[in-house]
Amino acid sequence: PSGAQVAHAASSRQCVGDAEREALGTPV
């Protein structure tokens, strides 16, 4: 979808949980 479409529905919420973050490889 276009940027304008997404922007109207966008929020700054945190959407990635622990499992997803582990899969993405969070480095420490």
PDB file of all heavy atoms in Angstrom:
ATOM      1  N   PRO A   1       0.820  -1.201   0.000  1.00  0.00           N
ATOM      2  CA  PRO A   1       0.000   0.000   0.000  1.00  0.00           C
ATOM      3  C   PRO A   1       0.856   1.253   0.000  1.00  0.00           C
ATOM      4  O   PRO A   1       2.015   1.234   0.396  1.00  0.00           O
ATOM      5  CB  PRO A   1      -0.799  -0.131   1.306  1.00  0.00           C
ATOM      6  CG  PRO A   1      -0.784  -1.584   1.642  1.00  0.00           C
ATOM      7  CD  PRO A   1       0.516  -2.103   1.114  1.00  0.00           C
ATOM      8  N   SER A   2       0.292   2.354  -0.455  1.00  0.00           N
ATOM      9  CA  SER A   2       1.033   3.600  -0.524  1.00  0.00           C
ATOM     10  C   SER A   2       1.396   4.099   0.861  1.00  0.00           C
ATOM     11  O   SER A   2       0.794   3.718   1.864  1.00  0.00           O
ATOM     12  CB  SER A   2       0.197   4.678  -1.226  1.00  0.00           C
ATOM     13  OG  SER A   2      -0.910   5.064  -0.411  1.00  0.00           O
ATOM     14  N   GLY A   3       2.404   4.975   0.891  1.00  0.00           N
ATOM     15  CA  GLY A   3       2.822   5.553   2.148  1.00  0.00           C
ATOM     16  C   GLY A   3       1.691   6.257   2.868  1.00  0.00           C
ATOM     17  O   GLY A   3       1.549   6.169   4.089  1.00  0.00           O
ATOM     18  N   ALA A   4       0.876   6.969   2.117  1.00  0.00           N
ATOM     19  CA  ALA A   4      -0.233   7.690   2.730  1.00  0.00           C
ATOM     20  C   ALA A   4      -1.208   6.733   3.398  1.00  0.00           C
ATOM     21  O   ALA A   4      -1.723   6.984   4.494  1.00  0.00           O
ATOM     22  CB  ALA A   4      -0.947   8.538   1.694  1.00  0.00           C
ATOM     23  N   GLN A   5      -1.509   5.589   2.738  1.00  0.00           N
ATOM     24  CA  GLN A   5      -2.419   4.618   3.317  1.00  0.00           C
ATOM     25  C   GLN A   5      -1.885   4.062   4.623  1.00  0.00           C
ATOM     26  O   GLN A   5      -2.607   3.917   5.606  1.00  0.00           O
ATOM     27  CB  GLN A   5      -2.665   3.470   2.330  1.00  0.00           C
ATOM     28  CG  GLN A   5      -3.476   3.872   1.103  1.00  0.00           C
ATOM     29  CD  GLN A   5      -3.578   2.718   0.142  1.00  0.00           C
ATOM     30  OE1 GLN A   5      -2.568   2.241  -0.359  1.00  0.00           O
ATOM     31  NE2 GLN A   5      -4.776   2.250  -0.106  1.00  0.00           N
ATOM     32  N   VAL A   6      -0.603   3.724   4.627  1.00  0.00           N
ATOM     33  CA  VAL A   6      -0.007   3.155   5.816  1.00  0.00           C
ATOM     34  C   VAL A   6       0.066   4.178   6.931  1.00  0.00           C
ATOM     35  O   VAL A   6      -0.172   3.875   8.097  1.00  0.00           O
ATOM     36  CB  VAL A   6       1.391   2.589   5.494  1.00  0.00           C
ATOM     37  CG1 VAL A   6       2.081   2.127   6.769  1.00  0.00           C
ATOM     38  CG2 VAL A   6       1.278   1.432   4.516  1.00  0.00           C
ATOM     39  N   ALA A   7       0.394   5.420   6.583  1.00  0.00           N
ATOM     40  CA  ALA A   7       0.576   6.452   7.590  1.00  0.00           C
ATOM     41  C   ALA A   7      -0.674   6.682   8.420  1.00  0.00           C
ATOM     42  O   ALA A   7      -0.604   6.907   9.629  1.00  0.00           O
ATOM     43  CB  ALA A   7       1.006   7.765   6.939  1.00  0.00           C
ATOM     44  N   HIS A   8      -1.850   6.623   7.795  1.00  0.00           N
ATOM     45  CA  HIS A   8      -3.081   6.866   8.527  1.00  0.00           C
ATOM     46  C   HIS A   8      -3.342   5.810   9.582  1.00  0.00           C
ATOM     47  O   HIS A   8      -3.977   6.083  10.607  1.00  0.00           O
ATOM     48  CB  HIS A   8      -4.262   6.943   7.555  1.00  0.00           C
ATOM     49  CG  HIS A   8      -4.313   8.218   6.777  1.00  0.00           C
ATOM     50  ND1 HIS A   8      -4.395   9.450   7.373  1.00  0.00           N
ATOM     51  CD2 HIS A   8      -4.277   8.445   5.435  1.00  0.00           C
ATOM     52  CE1 HIS A   8      -4.419  10.398   6.442  1.00  0.00           C
ATOM     53  NE2 HIS A   8      -4.344   9.824   5.271  1.00  0.00           N
ATOM     54  N   ALA A   9      -2.839   4.607   9.336  1.00  0.00           N
ATOM     55  CA  ALA A   9      -3.062   3.523  10.282  1.00  0.00           C
ATOM     56  C   ALA A   9      -1.868   3.270  11.178  1.00  0.00           C
ATOM     57  O   ALA A   9      -1.887   2.399  12.038  1.00  0.00           O
ATOM     58  CB  ALA A   9      -3.401   2.239   9.514  1.00  0.00           C
ATOM     59  N   ALA A  10      -0.788   4.035  10.989  1.00  0.00           N
ATOM     60  CA  ALA A  10       0.461   3.754  11.674  1.00  0.00           C
ATOM     61  C   ALA A  10       0.418   4.179  13.130  1.00  0.00           C
ATOM     62  O   ALA A  10      -0.247   5.106  13.508  1.00  0.00           O
ATOM     63  CB  ALA A  10       1.604   4.469  10.965  1.00  0.00           C
ATOM     64  N   SER A  11       1.183   3.511  13.906  1.00  0.00           N
ATOM     65  CA  SER A  11       1.388   3.890  15.291  1.00  0.00           C
ATOM     66  C   SER A  11       2.797   3.534  15.674  1.00  0.00           C
ATOM     67  O   SER A  11       3.492   2.830  14.958  1.00  0.00           O
ATOM     68  CB  SER A  11       0.401   3.159  16.199  1.00  0.00           C
ATOM     69  OG  SER A  11       0.758   1.792  16.330  1.00  0.00           O
ATOM     70  N   SER A  12       3.259   4.020  16.822  1.00  0.00           N
ATOM     71  CA  SER A  12       4.605   3.732  17.281  1.00  0.00           C
ATOM     72  C   SER A  12       4.632   2.541  18.236  1.00  0.00           C
ATOM     73  O   SER A  12       5.586   2.374  18.984  1.00  0.00           O
ATOM     74  CB  SER A  12       5.198   4.959  17.982  1.00  0.00           C
ATOM     75  OG  SER A  12       4.410   5.323  19.088  1.00  0.00           O
ATOM     76  N   ARG A  13       3.615   1.715  18.226  1.00  0.00           N
ATOM     77  CA  ARG A  13       3.566   0.566  19.121  1.00  0.00           C
ATOM     78  C   ARG A  13       4.705  -0.395  18.836  1.00  0.00           C
ATOM     79  O   ARG A  13       5.203  -0.498  17.735  1.00  0.00           O
ATOM     80  CB  ARG A  13       2.231  -0.158  18.999  1.00  0.00           C
ATOM     81  CG  ARG A  13       1.965  -0.749  17.600  1.00  0.00           C
ATOM     82  CD  ARG A  13       0.528  -1.225  17.475  1.00  0.00           C
ATOM     83  NE  ARG A  13       0.243  -1.819  16.187  1.00  0.00           N
ATOM     84  CZ  ARG A  13      -0.066  -1.145  15.103  1.00  0.00           C
ATOM     85  NH1 ARG A  13      -0.106   0.174  15.149  1.00  0.00           N
ATOM     86  NH2 ARG A  13      -0.333  -1.777  13.961  1.00  0.00           N
ATOM     87  N   GLN A  14       5.124  -1.114  19.859  1.00  0.00           N
ATOM     88  CA  GLN A  14       6.153  -2.125  19.723  1.00  0.00           C
ATOM     89  C   GLN A  14       5.512  -3.443  19.356  1.00  0.00           C
ATOM     90  O   GLN A  14       4.692  -3.969  20.106  1.00  0.00           O
ATOM     91  CB  GLN A  14       6.946  -2.257  21.024  1.00  0.00           C
ATOM     92  CG  GLN A  14       7.565  -0.941  21.475  1.00  0.00           C
ATOM     93  CD  GLN A  14       8.586  -0.430  20.486  1.00  0.00           C
ATOM     94  OE1 GLN A  14       9.583  -1.089  20.220  1.00  0.00           O
ATOM     95  NE2 GLN A  14       8.356   0.754  19.951  1.00  0.00           N
ATOM     96  N   CYS A  15       5.854  -3.974  18.208  1.00  0.00           N
ATOM     97  CA  CYS A  15       5.151  -5.121  17.657  1.00  0.00           C
ATOM     98  C   CYS A  15       5.948  -6.408  17.695  1.00  0.00           C
ATOM     99  O   CYS A  15       5.426  -7.461  17.374  1.00  0.00           O
ATOM    100  CB  CYS A  15       4.756  -4.845  16.207  1.00  0.00           C
ATOM    101  SG  CYS A  15       3.794  -3.393  15.946  1.00  0.00           S
ATOM    102  N   VAL A  16       7.200  -6.352  18.047  1.00  0.00           N
ATOM    103  CA  VAL A  16       8.047  -7.531  17.987  1.00  0.00           C
ATOM    104  C   VAL A  16       8.226  -8.103  19.383  1.00  0.00           C
ATOM    105  O   VAL A  16       8.703  -7.433  20.289  1.00  0.00           O
ATOM    106  CB  VAL A  16       9.416  -7.186  17.372  1.00  0.00           C
ATOM    107  CG1 VAL A  16      10.297  -8.423  17.324  1.00  0.00           C
ATOM    108  CG2 VAL A  16       9.227  -6.631  15.971  1.00  0.00           C
ATOM    109  N   GLY A  17       7.827  -9.333  19.575  1.00  0.00           N
ATOM    110  CA  GLY A  17       7.974  -9.994  20.858  1.00  0.00           C
ATOM    111  C   GLY A  17       9.307 -10.690  21.000  1.00  0.00           C
ATOM    112  O   GLY A  17      10.159 -10.670  20.109  1.00  0.00           O
ATOM    113  N   ASP A  18       9.483 -11.393  22.121  1.00  0.00           N
ATOM    114  CA  ASP A  18      10.743 -12.043  22.409  1.00  0.00           C
ATOM    115  C   ASP A  18      11.121 -13.082  21.369  1.00  0.00           C
ATOM    116  O   ASP A  18      12.268 -13.164  20.928  1.00  0.00           O
ATOM    117  CB  ASP A  18      10.688 -12.706  23.792  1.00  0.00           C
ATOM    118  CG  ASP A  18      10.645 -11.682  24.913  1.00  0.00           C
ATOM    119  OD1 ASP A  18      10.747 -10.487  24.623  1.00  0.00           O
ATOM    120  OD2 ASP A  18      10.525 -12.096  26.081  1.00  0.00           O
ATOM    121  N   ALA A  19      10.154 -13.890  20.971  1.00  0.00           N
ATOM    122  CA  ALA A  19      10.454 -14.956  20.016  1.00  0.00           C
ATOM    123  C   ALA A  19      10.895 -14.392  18.678  1.00  0.00           C
ATOM    124  O   ALA A  19      11.861 -14.861  18.070  1.00  0.00           O
ATOM    125  CB  ALA A  19       9.227 -15.853  19.833  1.00  0.00           C
ATOM    126  N   GLU A  20      10.165 -13.371  18.222  1.00  0.00           N
ATOM    127  CA  GLU A  20      10.525 -12.753  16.962  1.00  0.00           C
ATOM    128  C   GLU A  20      11.898 -12.095  17.028  1.00  0.00           C
ATOM    129  O   GLU A  20      12.692 -12.180  16.094  1.00  0.00           O
ATOM    130  CB  GLU A  20       9.474 -11.711  16.559  1.00  0.00           C
ATOM    131  CG  GLU A  20       8.131 -12.308  16.156  1.00  0.00           C
ATOM    132  CD  GLU A  20       7.223 -12.552  17.339  1.00  0.00           C
ATOM    133  OE1 GLU A  20       7.662 -12.396  18.500  1.00  0.00           O
ATOM    134  OE2 GLU A  20       6.051 -12.909  17.115  1.00  0.00           O
ATOM    135  N   ARG A  21      12.172 -11.441  18.160  1.00  0.00           N
ATOM    136  CA  ARG A  21      13.451 -10.771  18.308  1.00  0.00           C
ATOM    137  C   ARG A  21      14.601 -11.763  18.317  1.00  0.00           C
ATOM    138  O   ARG A  21      15.666 -11.524  17.751  1.00  0.00           O
ATOM    139  CB  ARG A  21      13.455  -9.932  19.605  1.00  0.00           C
ATOM    140  CG  ARG A  21      14.184  -8.696  19.496  1.00  0.00           C
ATOM    141  CD  ARG A  21      14.036  -7.878  20.752  1.00  0.00           C
ATOM    142  NE  ARG A  21      12.892  -7.020  20.698  1.00  0.00           N
ATOM    143  CZ  ARG A  21      12.828  -5.917  20.001  1.00  0.00           C
ATOM    144  NH1 ARG A  21      13.843  -5.559  19.268  1.00  0.00           N
ATOM    145  NH2 ARG A  21      11.756  -5.175  20.007  1.00  0.00           N
ATOM    146  N   GLU A  22      14.375 -12.922  18.956  1.00  0.00           N
ATOM    147  CA  GLU A  22      15.392 -13.957  18.953  1.00  0.00           C
ATOM    148  C   GLU A  22      15.636 -14.454  17.534  1.00  0.00           C
ATOM    149  O   GLU A  22      16.779 -14.669  17.118  1.00  0.00           O
ATOM    150  CB  GLU A  22      14.984 -15.110  19.869  1.00  0.00           C
ATOM    151  CG  GLU A  22      16.066 -16.183  20.000  1.00  0.00           C
ATOM    152  CD  GLU A  22      15.682 -17.266  20.993  1.00  0.00           C
ATOM    153  OE1 GLU A  22      14.483 -17.436  21.250  1.00  0.00           O
ATOM    154  OE2 GLU A  22      16.575 -17.932  21.500  1.00  0.00           O
ATOM    155  N   ALA A  23      14.565 -14.632  16.773  1.00  0.00           N
ATOM    156  CA  ALA A  23      14.698 -15.101  15.398  1.00  0.00           C
ATOM    157  C   ALA A  23      15.437 -14.095  14.528  1.00  0.00           C
ATOM    158  O   ALA A  23      16.187 -14.459  13.619  1.00  0.00           O
ATOM    159  CB  ALA A  23      13.318 -15.383  14.804  1.00  0.00           C
ATOM    160  N   LEU A  24      15.234 -12.804  14.814  1.00  0.00           N
ATOM    161  CA  LEU A  24      15.913 -11.767  14.058  1.00  0.00           C
ATOM    162  C   LEU A  24      17.367 -11.611  14.460  1.00  0.00           C
ATOM    163  O   LEU A  24      18.122 -10.909  13.804  1.00  0.00           O
ATOM    164  CB  LEU A  24      15.181 -10.433  14.215  1.00  0.00           C
ATOM    165  CG  LEU A  24      13.782 -10.357  13.616  1.00  0.00           C
ATOM    166  CD1 LEU A  24      13.117  -9.049  14.005  1.00  0.00           C
ATOM    167  CD2 LEU A  24      13.817 -10.498  12.107  1.00  0.00           C
ATOM    168  N   GLY A  25      17.763 -12.224  15.562  1.00  0.00           N
ATOM    169  CA  GLY A  25      19.148 -12.141  15.969  1.00  0.00           C
ATOM    170  C   GLY A  25      19.500 -10.861  16.672  1.00  0.00           C
ATOM    171  O   GLY A  25      20.234 -10.029  16.144  1.00  0.00           O
ATOM    172  N   THR A  26      18.999 -10.668  17.873  1.00  0.00           N
ATOM    173  CA  THR A  26      19.304  -9.483  18.636  1.00  0.00           C
ATOM    174  C   THR A  26      20.658  -9.632  19.293  1.00  0.00           C
ATOM    175  O   THR A  26      20.859 -10.524  20.103  1.00  0.00           O
ATOM    176  CB  THR A  26      18.231  -9.256  19.716  1.00  0.00           C
ATOM    177  OG1 THR A  26      16.970  -9.147  19.085  1.00  0.00           O
ATOM    178  CG2 THR A  26      18.524  -8.013  20.508  1.00  0.00           C
ATOM    179  N   PRO A  27      21.645  -8.786  18.970  1.00  0.00           N
ATOM    180  CA  PRO A  27      22.998  -8.996  19.468  1.00  0.00           C
ATOM    181  C   PRO A  27      23.220  -8.336  20.812  1.00  0.00           C
ATOM    182  O   PRO A  27      22.813  -7.216  21.067  1.00  0.00           O
ATOM    183  CB  PRO A  27      23.865  -8.318  18.413  1.00  0.00           C
ATOM    184  CG  PRO A  27      23.010  -7.201  17.929  1.00  0.00           C
ATOM    185  CD  PRO A  27      21.584  -7.698  18.009  1.00  0.00           C
ATOM    186  N   VAL A  28      23.859  -9.058  21.696  1.00  0.00           N
ATOM    187  CA  VAL A  28      24.401  -8.485  22.909  1.00  0.00           C
ATOM    188  C   VAL A  28      25.777  -9.066  23.097  1.00  0.00           C
ATOM    189  O   VAL A  28      26.151 -10.045  22.453  1.00  0.00           O
ATOM    190  CB  VAL A  28      23.524  -8.746  24.152  1.00  0.00           C
ATOM    191  CG1 VAL A  28      22.164  -8.141  23.990  1.00  0.00           C
ATOM    192  CG2 VAL A  28      23.393 -10.232  24.444  1.00  0.00           C
TER     193      VAL A  28
END
